[in-house]
């Protein structure tokens, strides 16, 4: 097994280091975040940092890279307060990945990638029509992380759109049947496969398969 010290890591080629450190945390969620500014220009960007923060209230966060350069997603969210988070599936991975390209503000990634925008229930920001899980989000907080000048964007789920055929009796969502993909590093997309579900863990009880 190869061992790298902090000094070794810092001395790696920048692109190599970025790829390596992005991979070591394992499989991450992959989502498309849809926004619209006050001028009506839409934006769509792929993120692999979306995380669950709590269910009561339903909070979801994602990491925004430093805003020392223009970030259309961040600018639109702070301007309008509403945005969408859309799960990525296998058929749209290439289009989702293309949204990471640096388009101009007036160029919509929806148009550039042929992903169709969808407006539901009068919600301000556009959803991705082909996504099986669509979250309508309202901005709650922005927390600056001084260690690397990133920001944790915290939003509350105010709308949830999901095919009820994939919701099990206890609320579990069968992502592997949709099929929602995960991500490794910066450019690799992987399928999800169910291994097993287990009962709630308690010290004095034997786990059961669900």
N, C-alpha and C. Protein backbone atom coordinates (compact mmCIF):
# COMPACT_ATOMS: atom_id res chain seq x y z
N UNK A 1 0.84 -1.20 0.00
CA UNK A 1 0.00 0.00 0.00
C UNK A 1 0.88 1.25 0.00
N UNK A 2 0.55 2.18 -0.87
CA UNK A 2 1.31 3.42 -0.96
C UNK A 2 0.91 4.37 0.15
N UNK A 3 1.88 5.03 0.76
CA UNK A 3 1.62 6.00 1.83
C UNK A 3 2.10 7.37 1.40
N UNK A 4 1.22 8.36 1.54
CA UNK A 4 1.56 9.74 1.19
C UNK A 4 1.38 10.62 2.41
N UNK A 5 2.39 11.37 2.75
CA UNK A 5 2.28 12.34 3.84
C UNK A 5 1.60 13.60 3.31
N UNK A 6 1.23 14.50 4.21
CA UNK A 6 0.67 15.77 3.78
C UNK A 6 1.62 16.49 2.83
N UNK A 7 2.90 16.46 3.14
CA UNK A 7 3.89 17.10 2.29
C UNK A 7 3.93 16.45 0.90
N UNK A 8 3.83 15.11 0.87
CA UNK A 8 3.79 14.39 -0.41
C UNK A 8 2.58 14.83 -1.23
N UNK A 9 1.43 14.92 -0.56
CA UNK A 9 0.19 15.29 -1.25
C UNK A 9 0.30 16.69 -1.82
N UNK A 10 0.83 17.60 -1.03
CA UNK A 10 0.93 19.00 -1.47
C UNK A 10 1.90 19.17 -2.63
N UNK A 11 2.86 18.25 -2.77
CA UNK A 11 3.86 18.34 -3.84
C UNK A 11 3.46 17.59 -5.11
N UNK A 12 2.30 16.96 -5.10
CA UNK A 12 1.82 16.28 -6.30
C UNK A 12 1.46 17.30 -7.38
N UNK A 13 1.51 16.87 -8.63
CA UNK A 13 1.00 17.71 -9.72
C UNK A 13 -0.44 18.12 -9.38
N UNK A 14 -0.78 19.38 -9.65
CA UNK A 14 -2.07 19.92 -9.23
C UNK A 14 -3.24 19.11 -9.76
N UNK A 15 -3.25 18.79 -11.04
CA UNK A 15 -4.37 18.04 -11.62
C UNK A 15 -4.45 16.62 -11.04
N UNK A 16 -3.29 16.01 -10.86
CA UNK A 16 -3.23 14.67 -10.27
C UNK A 16 -3.77 14.70 -8.85
N UNK A 17 -3.33 15.69 -8.07
CA UNK A 17 -3.76 15.83 -6.68
C UNK A 17 -5.28 16.06 -6.60
N UNK A 18 -5.78 16.93 -7.47
CA UNK A 18 -7.21 17.22 -7.46
C UNK A 18 -8.02 15.96 -7.74
N UNK A 19 -7.61 15.19 -8.73
CA UNK A 19 -8.33 13.96 -9.07
C UNK A 19 -8.26 12.95 -7.93
N UNK A 20 -7.06 12.77 -7.38
CA UNK A 20 -6.86 11.78 -6.32
C UNK A 20 -7.69 12.10 -5.08
N UNK A 21 -7.62 13.33 -4.61
CA UNK A 21 -8.32 13.69 -3.38
C UNK A 21 -9.83 13.71 -3.59
N UNK A 22 -10.27 13.97 -4.81
CA UNK A 22 -11.70 13.90 -5.10
C UNK A 22 -12.21 12.46 -5.09
N UNK A 23 -11.30 11.50 -5.26
CA UNK A 23 -11.71 10.09 -5.30
C UNK A 23 -11.69 9.40 -3.94
N UNK A 24 -10.84 9.86 -3.03
CA UNK A 24 -10.60 9.09 -1.81
C UNK A 24 -11.80 9.00 -0.88
N UNK A 25 -12.77 9.89 -1.01
CA UNK A 25 -13.94 9.83 -0.14
C UNK A 25 -15.01 8.87 -0.65
N UNK A 26 -14.75 8.25 -1.81
CA UNK A 26 -15.66 7.22 -2.31
C UNK A 26 -16.74 7.77 -3.23
N UNK A 27 -17.80 6.99 -3.35
CA UNK A 27 -18.90 7.35 -4.26
C UNK A 27 -19.72 8.48 -3.66
N UNK A 28 -19.96 9.50 -4.47
CA UNK A 28 -20.74 10.66 -4.04
C UNK A 28 -22.03 10.75 -4.86
N UNK A 29 -22.99 11.49 -4.34
CA UNK A 29 -24.21 11.74 -5.10
C UNK A 29 -23.89 12.66 -6.28
N UNK A 30 -24.66 12.56 -7.34
CA UNK A 30 -24.51 13.44 -8.50
C UNK A 30 -25.87 14.07 -8.78
N UNK A 31 -25.89 15.40 -8.79
CA UNK A 31 -27.15 16.11 -8.98
C UNK A 31 -26.97 17.31 -9.90
N UNK A 32 -28.03 17.68 -10.55
CA UNK A 32 -28.06 18.89 -11.37
C UNK A 32 -28.82 19.96 -10.60
N UNK A 33 -28.20 21.12 -10.44
CA UNK A 33 -28.85 22.23 -9.74
C UNK A 33 -29.32 23.25 -10.77
N UNK A 34 -30.62 23.49 -10.76
CA UNK A 34 -31.24 24.41 -11.71
C UNK A 34 -31.56 25.74 -11.04
N UNK A 35 -31.21 26.83 -11.73
CA UNK A 35 -31.46 28.17 -11.18
C UNK A 35 -31.96 29.10 -12.28
N UNK A 36 -32.47 30.25 -11.85
CA UNK A 36 -32.89 31.30 -12.80
C UNK A 36 -32.68 32.65 -12.13
N UNK A 37 -32.07 33.59 -12.88
CA UNK A 37 -31.86 34.91 -12.30
C UNK A 37 -33.07 35.80 -12.54
N UNK A 38 -33.02 37.01 -12.02
CA UNK A 38 -34.16 37.92 -12.11
C UNK A 38 -34.42 38.39 -13.53
N UNK A 39 -33.43 38.23 -14.42
CA UNK A 39 -33.62 38.57 -15.83
C UNK A 39 -34.23 37.42 -16.62
N UNK A 40 -34.43 36.28 -15.98
CA UNK A 40 -35.06 35.14 -16.63
C UNK A 40 -34.10 34.16 -17.27
N UNK A 41 -32.79 34.40 -17.11
CA UNK A 41 -31.79 33.49 -17.68
C UNK A 41 -31.65 32.26 -16.78
N UNK A 42 -31.75 31.08 -17.38
CA UNK A 42 -31.66 29.84 -16.60
C UNK A 42 -30.23 29.30 -16.62
N UNK A 43 -29.92 28.52 -15.60
CA UNK A 43 -28.60 27.91 -15.47
C UNK A 43 -28.78 26.50 -14.94
N UNK A 44 -27.90 25.61 -15.37
CA UNK A 44 -27.93 24.23 -14.89
C UNK A 44 -26.50 23.77 -14.70
N UNK A 45 -26.19 23.20 -13.54
CA UNK A 45 -24.82 22.79 -13.25
C UNK A 45 -24.81 21.50 -12.45
N UNK A 46 -23.84 20.63 -12.78
CA UNK A 46 -23.71 19.36 -12.07
C UNK A 46 -22.88 19.56 -10.81
N UNK A 47 -23.32 18.94 -9.70
CA UNK A 47 -22.62 19.01 -8.43
C UNK A 47 -22.51 17.60 -7.84
N UNK A 48 -21.35 17.32 -7.24
CA UNK A 48 -21.17 16.02 -6.58
C UNK A 48 -21.00 16.18 -5.07
N UNK A 49 -21.49 17.31 -4.54
CA UNK A 49 -21.30 17.60 -3.12
C UNK A 49 -22.61 17.79 -2.37
N UNK A 50 -23.72 17.39 -2.97
CA UNK A 50 -25.03 17.54 -2.31
C UNK A 50 -25.13 16.54 -1.16
N UNK A 51 -25.51 17.04 0.02
CA UNK A 51 -25.59 16.18 1.20
C UNK A 51 -26.88 16.42 1.99
N UNK A 52 -27.33 15.37 2.65
CA UNK A 52 -28.47 15.45 3.56
C UNK A 52 -28.01 16.09 4.86
N UNK A 53 -28.73 17.12 5.32
CA UNK A 53 -28.37 17.78 6.58
C UNK A 53 -29.39 17.53 7.68
N UNK A 54 -30.59 17.15 7.33
CA UNK A 54 -31.61 16.89 8.35
C UNK A 54 -32.97 16.67 7.71
N UNK A 55 -33.84 15.98 8.44
CA UNK A 55 -35.18 15.68 7.93
C UNK A 55 -36.27 16.51 8.61
N UNK A 56 -35.96 17.07 9.78
CA UNK A 56 -36.96 17.82 10.55
C UNK A 56 -36.35 19.13 11.04
N UNK A 57 -36.35 20.19 10.24
CA UNK A 57 -36.94 20.34 8.90
C UNK A 57 -36.08 19.69 7.82
N UNK A 58 -36.65 19.52 6.61
CA UNK A 58 -35.91 18.86 5.53
C UNK A 58 -34.87 19.79 4.92
N UNK A 59 -33.61 19.61 5.31
CA UNK A 59 -32.52 20.48 4.86
C UNK A 59 -31.51 19.70 4.03
N UNK A 60 -31.07 20.33 2.95
CA UNK A 60 -30.07 19.74 2.07
C UNK A 60 -29.01 20.80 1.81
N UNK A 61 -27.75 20.39 1.79
CA UNK A 61 -26.68 21.34 1.54
C UNK A 61 -25.81 20.92 0.37
N UNK A 62 -25.02 21.85 -0.13
CA UNK A 62 -23.99 21.53 -1.11
C UNK A 62 -22.85 22.52 -0.96
N UNK A 63 -21.68 22.12 -1.43
CA UNK A 63 -20.50 22.96 -1.32
C UNK A 63 -20.31 23.78 -2.59
N UNK A 64 -20.20 25.08 -2.40
CA UNK A 64 -19.92 26.00 -3.50
C UNK A 64 -18.44 26.36 -3.48
N UNK A 65 -17.77 26.13 -4.60
CA UNK A 65 -16.35 26.47 -4.69
C UNK A 65 -16.15 27.99 -4.54
N UNK A 66 -14.92 28.44 -4.29
CA UNK A 66 -14.68 29.87 -4.05
C UNK A 66 -15.32 30.77 -5.11
N UNK A 67 -15.90 31.85 -4.65
CA UNK A 67 -16.60 32.77 -5.55
C UNK A 67 -15.71 33.95 -5.94
N UNK A 68 -14.41 33.70 -5.96
CA UNK A 68 -13.47 34.73 -6.44
C UNK A 68 -13.63 34.92 -7.94
N UNK A 69 -14.23 33.94 -8.62
CA UNK A 69 -14.63 34.07 -10.02
C UNK A 69 -16.15 33.96 -10.06
N UNK A 70 -16.74 34.33 -11.18
CA UNK A 70 -18.20 34.32 -11.30
C UNK A 70 -18.72 32.89 -11.22
N UNK A 71 -19.69 32.65 -10.35
CA UNK A 71 -20.37 31.36 -10.21
C UNK A 71 -21.86 31.60 -10.45
N UNK A 72 -22.34 31.21 -11.63
CA UNK A 72 -23.72 31.51 -11.99
C UNK A 72 -24.72 30.87 -11.05
N UNK A 73 -24.46 29.63 -10.63
CA UNK A 73 -25.38 28.96 -9.71
C UNK A 73 -25.50 29.74 -8.41
N UNK A 74 -24.37 30.08 -7.82
CA UNK A 74 -24.38 30.81 -6.55
C UNK A 74 -25.03 32.19 -6.70
N UNK A 75 -24.68 32.88 -7.78
CA UNK A 75 -25.25 34.21 -8.00
C UNK A 75 -26.76 34.16 -8.14
N UNK A 76 -27.26 33.19 -8.89
CA UNK A 76 -28.70 33.08 -9.10
C UNK A 76 -29.42 32.70 -7.82
N UNK A 77 -28.83 31.81 -7.02
CA UNK A 77 -29.47 31.38 -5.77
C UNK A 77 -29.55 32.54 -4.78
N UNK A 78 -28.47 33.27 -4.62
CA UNK A 78 -28.49 34.38 -3.67
C UNK A 78 -29.38 35.52 -4.15
N UNK A 79 -29.57 35.62 -5.46
CA UNK A 79 -30.44 36.67 -6.01
C UNK A 79 -31.91 36.31 -5.89
N UNK A 80 -32.25 35.06 -6.20
CA UNK A 80 -33.66 34.66 -6.27
C UNK A 80 -34.14 33.82 -5.09
N UNK A 81 -33.21 33.20 -4.36
CA UNK A 81 -33.50 32.37 -3.18
C UNK A 81 -34.06 30.99 -3.49
N UNK A 82 -34.51 30.75 -4.71
CA UNK A 82 -35.09 29.46 -5.04
C UNK A 82 -34.27 28.74 -6.12
N UNK A 83 -34.16 27.43 -5.97
CA UNK A 83 -33.41 26.62 -6.93
C UNK A 83 -33.91 25.20 -6.86
N UNK A 84 -33.45 24.36 -7.78
CA UNK A 84 -33.87 22.96 -7.79
C UNK A 84 -32.66 22.04 -7.73
N UNK A 85 -32.87 20.87 -7.16
CA UNK A 85 -31.86 19.81 -7.15
C UNK A 85 -32.49 18.60 -7.82
N UNK A 86 -31.81 18.07 -8.85
CA UNK A 86 -32.37 17.01 -9.68
C UNK A 86 -31.40 15.84 -9.78
N UNK A 87 -31.87 14.64 -9.44
CA UNK A 87 -31.01 13.46 -9.51
C UNK A 87 -30.62 13.17 -10.95
N UNK A 88 -29.41 12.65 -11.14
CA UNK A 88 -28.91 12.28 -12.47
C UNK A 88 -29.07 10.77 -12.65
N UNK A 89 -29.57 10.38 -13.82
CA UNK A 89 -29.70 8.97 -14.15
C UNK A 89 -28.74 8.60 -15.28
N UNK A 90 -28.57 7.31 -15.48
CA UNK A 90 -27.61 6.82 -16.47
C UNK A 90 -27.80 7.42 -17.87
N UNK A 91 -29.02 7.53 -18.40
CA UNK A 91 -29.17 8.04 -19.76
C UNK A 91 -28.72 9.49 -19.97
N UNK A 92 -28.62 10.28 -18.89
CA UNK A 92 -28.28 11.69 -19.08
C UNK A 92 -26.93 12.06 -18.48
N UNK A 93 -26.06 11.06 -18.23
CA UNK A 93 -24.77 11.38 -17.60
C UNK A 93 -23.91 12.28 -18.48
N UNK A 94 -23.88 12.03 -19.79
CA UNK A 94 -23.04 12.84 -20.67
C UNK A 94 -23.53 14.28 -20.70
N UNK A 95 -24.84 14.47 -20.80
CA UNK A 95 -25.39 15.82 -20.80
C UNK A 95 -25.15 16.51 -19.47
N UNK A 96 -25.30 15.75 -18.39
CA UNK A 96 -25.06 16.33 -17.06
C UNK A 96 -23.62 16.78 -16.93
N UNK A 97 -22.69 15.95 -17.38
CA UNK A 97 -21.27 16.29 -17.28
C UNK A 97 -20.94 17.54 -18.10
N UNK A 98 -21.58 17.70 -19.24
CA UNK A 98 -21.32 18.84 -20.11
C UNK A 98 -21.70 20.16 -19.44
N UNK A 99 -22.63 20.12 -18.47
CA UNK A 99 -23.03 21.36 -17.80
C UNK A 99 -21.90 21.96 -16.98
N UNK A 100 -20.82 21.21 -16.75
CA UNK A 100 -19.69 21.74 -16.00
C UNK A 100 -18.82 22.67 -16.85
N UNK A 101 -19.10 22.74 -18.15
CA UNK A 101 -18.36 23.65 -19.03
C UNK A 101 -18.67 25.10 -18.65
N UNK A 102 -17.74 26.00 -18.93
CA UNK A 102 -17.90 27.41 -18.55
C UNK A 102 -18.66 28.19 -19.63
N UNK A 103 -19.96 28.11 -19.57
CA UNK A 103 -20.79 28.88 -20.50
C UNK A 103 -20.96 30.30 -19.99
N UNK A 104 -21.26 31.22 -20.92
CA UNK A 104 -21.54 32.59 -20.53
C UNK A 104 -22.89 32.67 -19.82
N UNK A 105 -23.11 33.76 -19.11
CA UNK A 105 -24.32 33.93 -18.31
C UNK A 105 -25.58 33.84 -19.17
N UNK A 106 -25.51 34.38 -20.40
CA UNK A 106 -26.70 34.38 -21.25
C UNK A 106 -26.91 33.05 -21.98
N UNK A 107 -25.98 32.13 -21.84
CA UNK A 107 -26.11 30.81 -22.45
C UNK A 107 -26.65 29.83 -21.42
N UNK A 108 -27.80 29.26 -21.70
CA UNK A 108 -28.41 28.32 -20.77
C UNK A 108 -27.89 26.91 -21.03
N UNK A 109 -27.46 26.23 -19.98
CA UNK A 109 -27.00 24.85 -20.12
C UNK A 109 -28.14 23.93 -20.54
N UNK A 110 -29.36 24.30 -20.25
CA UNK A 110 -30.50 23.52 -20.74
C UNK A 110 -30.46 23.47 -22.27
N UNK A 111 -30.27 24.63 -22.88
CA UNK A 111 -30.23 24.70 -24.34
C UNK A 111 -28.98 24.04 -24.90
N UNK A 112 -27.85 24.27 -24.25
CA UNK A 112 -26.58 23.77 -24.76
C UNK A 112 -26.46 22.25 -24.68
N UNK A 113 -27.18 21.63 -23.75
CA UNK A 113 -27.08 20.18 -23.57
C UNK A 113 -28.34 19.43 -23.99
N UNK A 114 -29.36 20.17 -24.41
CA UNK A 114 -30.66 19.59 -24.81
C UNK A 114 -31.38 18.90 -23.66
N UNK A 115 -31.03 19.25 -22.43
CA UNK A 115 -31.82 18.80 -21.29
C UNK A 115 -33.03 19.74 -21.18
N UNK A 116 -34.20 19.15 -21.00
CA UNK A 116 -35.43 19.95 -21.04
C UNK A 116 -35.77 20.50 -19.66
N UNK A 117 -35.99 21.81 -19.62
CA UNK A 117 -36.43 22.45 -18.38
C UNK A 117 -37.91 22.20 -18.17
N UNK A 118 -38.29 22.08 -16.91
CA UNK A 118 -39.69 21.82 -16.58
C UNK A 118 -40.07 22.68 -15.38
N UNK A 119 -41.21 23.36 -15.49
CA UNK A 119 -41.70 24.19 -14.39
C UNK A 119 -42.93 23.51 -13.79
N UNK A 120 -42.89 23.31 -12.48
CA UNK A 120 -43.95 22.57 -11.80
C UNK A 120 -44.57 23.42 -10.70
N UNK A 121 -45.88 23.44 -10.65
CA UNK A 121 -46.64 24.12 -9.58
C UNK A 121 -46.27 25.59 -9.42
N UNK A 122 -45.85 26.21 -10.52
CA UNK A 122 -45.50 27.62 -10.44
C UNK A 122 -44.21 27.91 -9.71
N UNK A 123 -43.39 26.85 -9.45
CA UNK A 123 -42.12 27.06 -8.76
C UNK A 123 -41.20 27.91 -9.62
N UNK A 124 -40.46 28.83 -8.98
CA UNK A 124 -39.68 29.83 -9.72
C UNK A 124 -38.58 29.23 -10.57
N UNK A 125 -37.83 28.30 -10.04
CA UNK A 125 -36.65 27.76 -10.74
C UNK A 125 -37.02 26.53 -11.57
N UNK A 126 -36.25 26.27 -12.63
CA UNK A 126 -36.55 25.14 -13.51
C UNK A 126 -36.05 23.80 -12.95
N UNK A 127 -36.88 22.78 -13.12
CA UNK A 127 -36.49 21.40 -12.84
C UNK A 127 -35.97 20.76 -14.12
N UNK A 128 -35.33 19.60 -14.00
CA UNK A 128 -34.89 18.82 -15.15
C UNK A 128 -35.96 17.76 -15.42
N UNK A 129 -36.60 17.85 -16.57
CA UNK A 129 -37.74 16.98 -16.85
C UNK A 129 -37.40 15.50 -16.75
N UNK A 130 -36.21 15.11 -17.21
CA UNK A 130 -35.84 13.69 -17.25
C UNK A 130 -35.37 13.14 -15.91
N UNK A 131 -35.31 13.97 -14.87
CA UNK A 131 -34.86 13.50 -13.58
C UNK A 131 -36.01 12.85 -12.81
N UNK A 132 -35.78 11.70 -12.15
CA UNK A 132 -36.84 11.03 -11.42
C UNK A 132 -37.03 11.54 -9.99
N UNK A 133 -36.07 12.35 -9.51
CA UNK A 133 -36.20 12.95 -8.18
C UNK A 133 -35.92 14.44 -8.33
N UNK A 134 -36.91 15.25 -8.02
CA UNK A 134 -36.80 16.69 -8.19
C UNK A 134 -37.11 17.38 -6.87
N UNK A 135 -36.17 18.19 -6.40
CA UNK A 135 -36.35 18.93 -5.16
C UNK A 135 -36.47 20.42 -5.46
N UNK A 136 -37.54 21.03 -4.98
CA UNK A 136 -37.67 22.47 -5.04
C UNK A 136 -37.13 23.05 -3.75
N UNK A 137 -36.09 23.89 -3.86
CA UNK A 137 -35.35 24.35 -2.68
C UNK A 137 -35.52 25.85 -2.44
N UNK A 138 -35.51 26.23 -1.16
CA UNK A 138 -35.46 27.64 -0.77
C UNK A 138 -34.21 27.86 0.07
N UNK A 139 -33.44 28.86 -0.29
CA UNK A 139 -32.19 29.16 0.42
C UNK A 139 -32.47 29.51 1.87
N UNK A 140 -31.72 28.85 2.79
CA UNK A 140 -31.86 29.12 4.22
C UNK A 140 -30.62 29.79 4.81
N UNK A 141 -29.44 29.38 4.36
CA UNK A 141 -28.23 29.91 4.96
C UNK A 141 -27.03 29.69 4.05
N UNK A 142 -26.04 30.53 4.17
CA UNK A 142 -24.76 30.39 3.48
C UNK A 142 -23.67 30.48 4.53
N UNK A 143 -22.91 29.41 4.68
CA UNK A 143 -21.86 29.36 5.70
C UNK A 143 -20.49 29.34 5.02
N UNK A 144 -19.70 30.35 5.30
CA UNK A 144 -18.37 30.44 4.73
C UNK A 144 -17.43 29.49 5.47
N UNK A 145 -16.60 28.77 4.71
CA UNK A 145 -15.61 27.86 5.29
C UNK A 145 -14.23 28.46 5.04
N UNK A 146 -13.64 29.11 6.05
CA UNK A 146 -12.37 29.82 5.86
C UNK A 146 -11.22 28.92 5.42
N UNK A 147 -11.23 27.63 5.80
CA UNK A 147 -10.10 26.75 5.52
C UNK A 147 -9.75 26.69 4.05
N UNK A 148 -10.76 26.77 3.17
CA UNK A 148 -10.47 26.75 1.72
C UNK A 148 -11.34 27.73 0.94
N UNK A 149 -11.98 28.66 1.66
CA UNK A 149 -12.76 29.73 1.04
C UNK A 149 -13.96 29.21 0.25
N UNK A 150 -14.46 28.03 0.61
CA UNK A 150 -15.68 27.53 0.00
C UNK A 150 -16.88 27.95 0.85
N UNK A 151 -18.07 27.60 0.38
CA UNK A 151 -19.29 27.94 1.12
C UNK A 151 -20.21 26.72 1.17
N UNK A 152 -20.82 26.52 2.33
CA UNK A 152 -21.86 25.52 2.46
C UNK A 152 -23.20 26.20 2.24
N UNK A 153 -23.87 25.82 1.16
CA UNK A 153 -25.17 26.40 0.83
C UNK A 153 -26.24 25.49 1.42
N UNK A 154 -27.05 26.03 2.31
CA UNK A 154 -28.08 25.25 2.98
C UNK A 154 -29.45 25.67 2.48
N UNK A 155 -30.23 24.70 2.04
CA UNK A 155 -31.57 24.98 1.56
C UNK A 155 -32.60 24.07 2.21
N UNK A 156 -33.84 24.53 2.22
CA UNK A 156 -34.96 23.73 2.74
C UNK A 156 -35.78 23.20 1.56
N UNK A 157 -36.15 21.93 1.63
CA UNK A 157 -37.00 21.34 0.59
C UNK A 157 -38.41 21.87 0.78
N UNK A 158 -38.90 22.60 -0.20
CA UNK A 158 -40.27 23.11 -0.14
C UNK A 158 -41.19 22.39 -1.12
N UNK A 159 -40.58 21.63 -2.04
CA UNK A 159 -41.34 20.77 -2.95
C UNK A 159 -40.53 19.52 -3.23
N UNK A 160 -41.20 18.38 -3.28
CA UNK A 160 -40.56 17.12 -3.62
C UNK A 160 -41.39 16.42 -4.69
N UNK A 161 -40.76 16.10 -5.81
CA UNK A 161 -41.43 15.40 -6.91
C UNK A 161 -40.70 14.08 -7.16
N UNK A 162 -41.39 12.98 -6.95
CA UNK A 162 -40.78 11.67 -7.14
C UNK A 162 -41.88 10.67 -7.50
N UNK A 163 -41.56 9.73 -8.37
CA UNK A 163 -42.50 8.69 -8.77
C UNK A 163 -42.79 7.80 -7.57
N UNK A 164 -44.06 7.76 -7.15
CA UNK A 164 -44.41 7.00 -5.95
C UNK A 164 -44.20 5.50 -6.11
N UNK A 165 -44.03 5.03 -7.34
CA UNK A 165 -43.78 3.60 -7.55
C UNK A 165 -42.47 3.16 -6.93
N UNK A 166 -41.55 4.12 -6.69
CA UNK A 166 -40.24 3.78 -6.13
C UNK A 166 -40.15 4.03 -4.63
N UNK A 167 -41.26 4.48 -4.02
CA UNK A 167 -41.27 4.73 -2.59
C UNK A 167 -41.83 3.50 -1.88
N UNK A 168 -41.04 2.90 -1.01
CA UNK A 168 -41.48 1.71 -0.29
C UNK A 168 -42.35 2.11 0.90
N UNK A 169 -42.98 1.12 1.53
CA UNK A 169 -43.98 1.39 2.56
C UNK A 169 -43.45 2.20 3.74
N UNK A 170 -42.16 2.07 4.04
CA UNK A 170 -41.58 2.78 5.19
C UNK A 170 -40.93 4.10 4.78
N UNK A 171 -41.10 4.50 3.52
CA UNK A 171 -40.52 5.76 3.05
C UNK A 171 -39.19 5.61 2.36
N UNK A 172 -38.62 4.40 2.40
CA UNK A 172 -37.35 4.16 1.72
C UNK A 172 -37.53 4.35 0.22
N UNK A 173 -36.54 4.99 -0.41
CA UNK A 173 -36.59 5.26 -1.84
C UNK A 173 -35.64 4.32 -2.57
N UNK A 174 -36.17 3.53 -3.49
CA UNK A 174 -35.38 2.52 -4.21
C UNK A 174 -34.62 3.18 -5.36
N UNK A 175 -33.53 3.84 -5.04
CA UNK A 175 -32.76 4.57 -6.05
C UNK A 175 -32.22 3.64 -7.13
N UNK A 176 -31.88 2.41 -6.76
CA UNK A 176 -31.27 1.49 -7.71
C UNK A 176 -32.23 1.09 -8.84
N UNK A 177 -33.50 1.34 -8.64
CA UNK A 177 -34.49 0.98 -9.67
C UNK A 177 -34.83 2.14 -10.59
N UNK A 178 -34.21 3.30 -10.43
CA UNK A 178 -34.64 4.48 -11.20
C UNK A 178 -34.03 4.68 -12.59
N UNK A 179 -32.79 4.49 -12.89
CA UNK A 179 -31.62 4.19 -12.06
C UNK A 179 -30.77 5.44 -11.83
N UNK A 180 -30.68 5.88 -10.60
CA UNK A 180 -29.88 7.04 -10.23
C UNK A 180 -28.40 6.63 -10.19
N UNK A 181 -27.52 7.50 -10.65
CA UNK A 181 -26.09 7.19 -10.66
C UNK A 181 -25.36 7.92 -9.54
N UNK A 182 -24.16 7.43 -9.22
CA UNK A 182 -23.27 8.11 -8.30
C UNK A 182 -22.03 8.57 -9.05
N UNK A 183 -21.15 9.24 -8.36
CA UNK A 183 -19.95 9.75 -9.01
C UNK A 183 -18.70 9.43 -8.24
N UNK A 184 -17.60 9.22 -8.95
CA UNK A 184 -16.29 9.01 -8.35
C UNK A 184 -15.34 10.05 -8.95
N UNK A 185 -14.68 10.80 -8.09
CA UNK A 185 -13.78 11.82 -8.60
C UNK A 185 -14.53 12.92 -9.33
N UNK A 186 -13.91 13.40 -10.40
CA UNK A 186 -14.46 14.54 -11.14
C UNK A 186 -15.17 14.15 -12.43
N UNK A 187 -14.98 12.92 -12.90
CA UNK A 187 -15.45 12.62 -14.26
C UNK A 187 -15.98 11.21 -14.47
N UNK A 188 -16.20 10.45 -13.38
CA UNK A 188 -16.63 9.07 -13.51
C UNK A 188 -18.00 8.89 -12.88
N UNK A 189 -18.89 8.22 -13.61
CA UNK A 189 -20.25 7.98 -13.16
C UNK A 189 -20.45 6.48 -12.99
N UNK A 190 -21.06 6.08 -11.88
CA UNK A 190 -21.22 4.67 -11.57
C UNK A 190 -22.68 4.35 -11.27
N UNK A 191 -23.07 3.12 -11.54
CA UNK A 191 -24.42 2.67 -11.25
C UNK A 191 -24.56 2.32 -9.77
N UNK A 192 -25.78 2.44 -9.29
CA UNK A 192 -26.06 2.02 -7.92
C UNK A 192 -26.68 0.63 -7.94
N UNK A 193 -26.28 -0.20 -6.99
CA UNK A 193 -26.80 -1.55 -6.89
C UNK A 193 -27.08 -1.85 -5.42
N UNK A 194 -28.29 -2.28 -5.15
CA UNK A 194 -28.66 -2.60 -3.77
C UNK A 194 -27.93 -3.86 -3.32
N UNK A 195 -27.28 -3.79 -2.16
CA UNK A 195 -26.64 -4.96 -1.56
C UNK A 195 -27.58 -5.58 -0.53
N UNK A 196 -28.06 -4.77 0.44
CA UNK A 196 -28.98 -5.28 1.44
C UNK A 196 -29.52 -4.11 2.25
N UNK A 197 -30.69 -4.29 2.85
CA UNK A 197 -31.21 -3.37 3.85
C UNK A 197 -31.25 -4.11 5.18
N UNK A 198 -30.91 -3.37 6.26
CA UNK A 198 -30.91 -3.97 7.59
C UNK A 198 -31.82 -3.20 8.53
N UNK A 199 -32.25 -3.88 9.58
CA UNK A 199 -33.11 -3.26 10.58
C UNK A 199 -32.34 -2.21 11.38
N UNK A 200 -33.06 -1.39 12.14
CA UNK A 200 -32.44 -0.35 12.96
C UNK A 200 -31.51 -1.00 13.98
N UNK A 201 -30.28 -0.52 14.06
CA UNK A 201 -29.27 -1.15 14.92
C UNK A 201 -29.45 -0.75 16.38
N UNK A 202 -29.52 -1.77 17.26
CA UNK A 202 -29.57 -1.57 18.71
C UNK A 202 -28.58 -2.51 19.36
N UNK A 203 -27.98 -2.12 20.49
CA UNK A 203 -26.94 -2.95 21.12
C UNK A 203 -27.41 -4.35 21.50
N UNK A 204 -28.70 -4.50 21.89
CA UNK A 204 -29.17 -5.78 22.43
C UNK A 204 -30.04 -6.56 21.45
N UNK A 205 -29.98 -6.18 20.17
CA UNK A 205 -30.81 -6.87 19.18
C UNK A 205 -29.97 -7.31 17.99
N UNK A 206 -30.31 -8.47 17.44
CA UNK A 206 -29.64 -8.99 16.26
C UNK A 206 -30.22 -8.30 15.02
N UNK A 207 -29.36 -7.88 14.14
CA UNK A 207 -29.83 -7.23 12.92
C UNK A 207 -30.64 -8.21 12.07
N UNK A 208 -31.66 -7.66 11.41
CA UNK A 208 -32.47 -8.44 10.51
C UNK A 208 -32.38 -7.84 9.11
N UNK A 209 -32.45 -8.68 8.12
CA UNK A 209 -32.52 -8.19 6.75
C UNK A 209 -33.94 -7.78 6.45
N UNK A 210 -34.08 -6.62 5.82
CA UNK A 210 -35.40 -6.08 5.50
C UNK A 210 -35.83 -6.49 4.09
